C-alpha atoms as a PDB file:
ATOM      1  CA  UNK A   1     113.017  65.605 126.359  1.00  0.00           C
ATOM      2  CA  UNK A   2     112.792  68.997 128.814  1.00  0.00           C
ATOM      3  CA  UNK A   3     108.654  68.788 128.298  1.00  0.00           C
ATOM      4  CA  UNK A   4     108.219  65.436 129.567  1.00  0.00           C
ATOM      5  CA  UNK A   5     111.109  65.788 132.386  1.00  0.00           C
ATOM      6  CA  UNK A   6     112.793  62.646 130.874  1.00  0.00           C
ATOM      7  CA  UNK A   7     116.643  61.993 130.438  1.00  0.00           C
ATOM      8  CA  UNK A   8     118.183  61.752 126.183  1.00  0.00           C
ATOM      9  CA  UNK A   9     118.334  57.881 127.361  1.00  0.00           C
ATOM     10  CA  UNK A  10     114.815  58.056 128.138  1.00  0.00           C
ATOM     11  CA  UNK A  11     113.407  60.015 125.191  1.00  0.00           C
ATOM     12  CA  UNK A  12     115.146  57.688 123.007  1.00  0.00           C
ATOM     13  CA  UNK A  13     113.849  54.271 124.000  1.00  0.00           C
ATOM     14  CA  UNK A  14     110.661  55.460 123.969  1.00  0.00           C
ATOM     15  CA  UNK A  15     110.992  56.590 120.823  1.00  0.00           C
ATOM     16  CA  UNK A  16     112.398  53.281 119.510  1.00  0.00           C
ATOM     17  CA  UNK A  17     112.205  50.707 121.574  1.00  0.00           C
ATOM     18  CA  UNK A  18     108.749  50.684 123.617  1.00  0.00           C
ATOM     19  CA  UNK A  19     106.937  52.635 120.716  1.00  0.00           C
ATOM     20  CA  UNK A  20     107.951  49.192 118.382  1.00  0.00           C
ATOM     21  CA  UNK A  21     106.920  47.433 121.535  1.00  0.00           C
ATOM     22  CA  UNK A  22     103.424  49.540 121.539  1.00  0.00           C
ATOM     23  CA  UNK A  23     103.105  48.583 117.948  1.00  0.00           C
ATOM     24  CA  UNK A  24     103.833  45.295 118.511  1.00  0.00           C
ATOM     25  CA  UNK A  25     106.615  45.265 115.637  1.00  0.00           C
ATOM     26  CA  UNK A  26     109.287  44.539 118.319  1.00  0.00           C
ATOM     27  CA  UNK A  27     110.237  41.072 116.473  1.00  0.00           C
ATOM     28  CA  UNK A  28     111.040  43.724 113.294  1.00  0.00           C
ATOM     29  CA  UNK A  29     111.889  47.252 114.916  1.00  0.00           C
ATOM     30  CA  UNK A  30     113.167  49.232 117.710  1.00  0.00           C
ATOM     31  CA  UNK A  31     116.494  48.457 118.300  1.00  0.00           C
ATOM     32  CA  UNK A  32     119.547  47.743 115.968  1.00  0.00           C
ATOM     33  CA  UNK A  33     120.043  43.778 116.670  1.00  0.00           C
ATOM     34  CA  UNK A  34     120.984  40.381 113.557  1.00  0.00           C
ATOM     35  CA  UNK A  35     117.550  40.047 112.113  1.00  0.00           C
ATOM     36  CA  UNK A  36     115.975  43.152 112.536  1.00  0.00           C
ATOM     37  CA  UNK A  37     115.170  46.488 109.358  1.00  0.00           C
ATOM     38  CA  UNK A  38     118.220  48.741 109.995  1.00  0.00           C
ATOM     39  CA  UNK A  39     116.644  51.917 109.714  1.00  0.00           C
ATOM     40  CA  UNK A  40     118.882  54.491 111.533  1.00  0.00           C
ATOM     41  CA  UNK A  41     120.642  57.684 111.497  1.00  0.00           C
ATOM     42  CA  UNK A  42     124.656  58.484 112.127  1.00  0.00           C
ATOM     43  CA  UNK A  43     125.168  61.783 113.628  1.00  0.00           C
ATOM     44  CA  UNK A  44     128.173  64.296 113.710  1.00  0.00           C
ATOM     45  CA  UNK A  45     130.658  64.221 116.587  1.00  0.00           C
ATOM     46  CA  UNK A  46     129.224  65.684 119.180  1.00  0.00           C
ATOM     47  CA  UNK A  47     130.088  66.169 122.717  1.00  0.00           C
ATOM     48  CA  UNK A  48     127.789  62.961 123.902  1.00  0.00           C
ATOM     49  CA  UNK A  49     123.881  62.232 122.969  1.00  0.00           C
ATOM     50  CA  UNK A  50     123.029  64.239 125.778  1.00  0.00           C
ATOM     51  CA  UNK A  51     123.895  67.007 123.467  1.00  0.00           C
ATOM     52  CA  UNK A  52     121.361  65.546 120.786  1.00  0.00           C
ATOM     53  CA  UNK A  53     117.849  67.092 122.559  1.00  0.00           C
ATOM     54  CA  UNK A  54     119.300  70.767 122.781  1.00  0.00           C
ATOM     55  CA  UNK A  55     120.831  71.088 119.397  1.00  0.00           C
ATOM     56  CA  UNK A  56     116.853  71.421 117.475  1.00  0.00           C
ATOM     57  CA  UNK A  57     118.230  72.923 114.425  1.00  0.00           C
ATOM     58  CA  UNK A  58     121.519  72.130 114.174  1.00  0.00           C
ATOM     59  CA  UNK A  59     122.746  69.873 111.007  1.00  0.00           C
ATOM     60  CA  UNK A  60     123.677  66.948 113.339  1.00  0.00           C
ATOM     61  CA  UNK A  61     122.559  64.348 110.681  1.00  0.00           C
ATOM     62  CA  UNK A  62     125.794  62.760 108.838  1.00  0.00           C
ATOM     63  CA  UNK A  63     123.684  60.023 106.739  1.00  0.00           C
ATOM     64  CA  UNK A  64     120.513  58.159 106.802  1.00  0.00           C
ATOM     65  CA  UNK A  65     120.009  54.575 106.599  1.00  0.00           C
ATOM     66  CA  UNK A  66     116.508  52.551 105.770  1.00  0.00           C
ATOM     67  CA  UNK A  67     116.156  48.836 105.347  1.00  0.00           C
ATOM     68  CA  UNK A  68     120.030  48.557 105.622  1.00  0.00           C
ATOM     69  CA  UNK A  69     120.490  51.120 102.237  1.00  0.00           C
ATOM     70  CA  UNK A  70     121.964  54.347 102.537  1.00  0.00           C
ATOM     71  CA  UNK A  71     119.633  57.218 101.560  1.00  0.00           C
ATOM     72  CA  UNK A  72     120.730  59.864  99.584  1.00  0.00           C
ATOM     73  CA  UNK A  73     119.698  63.513 100.371  1.00  0.00           C
END
């Protein structure tokens, strides 16, 4: 975020839906919508989404889902 002067929302879009469009896979990936592959993670509670990019090294990831299935780690 800081290096490219992006807001957290812009960084999230750049790494999700915009990346999927760039690779031509937006029909199946890049956003959470019915019919798309469910690859996402859930974080522990935090003050706002703006906090996430600045929490590097903090164990914030609570669970990870790949193809709609929770992953054990």
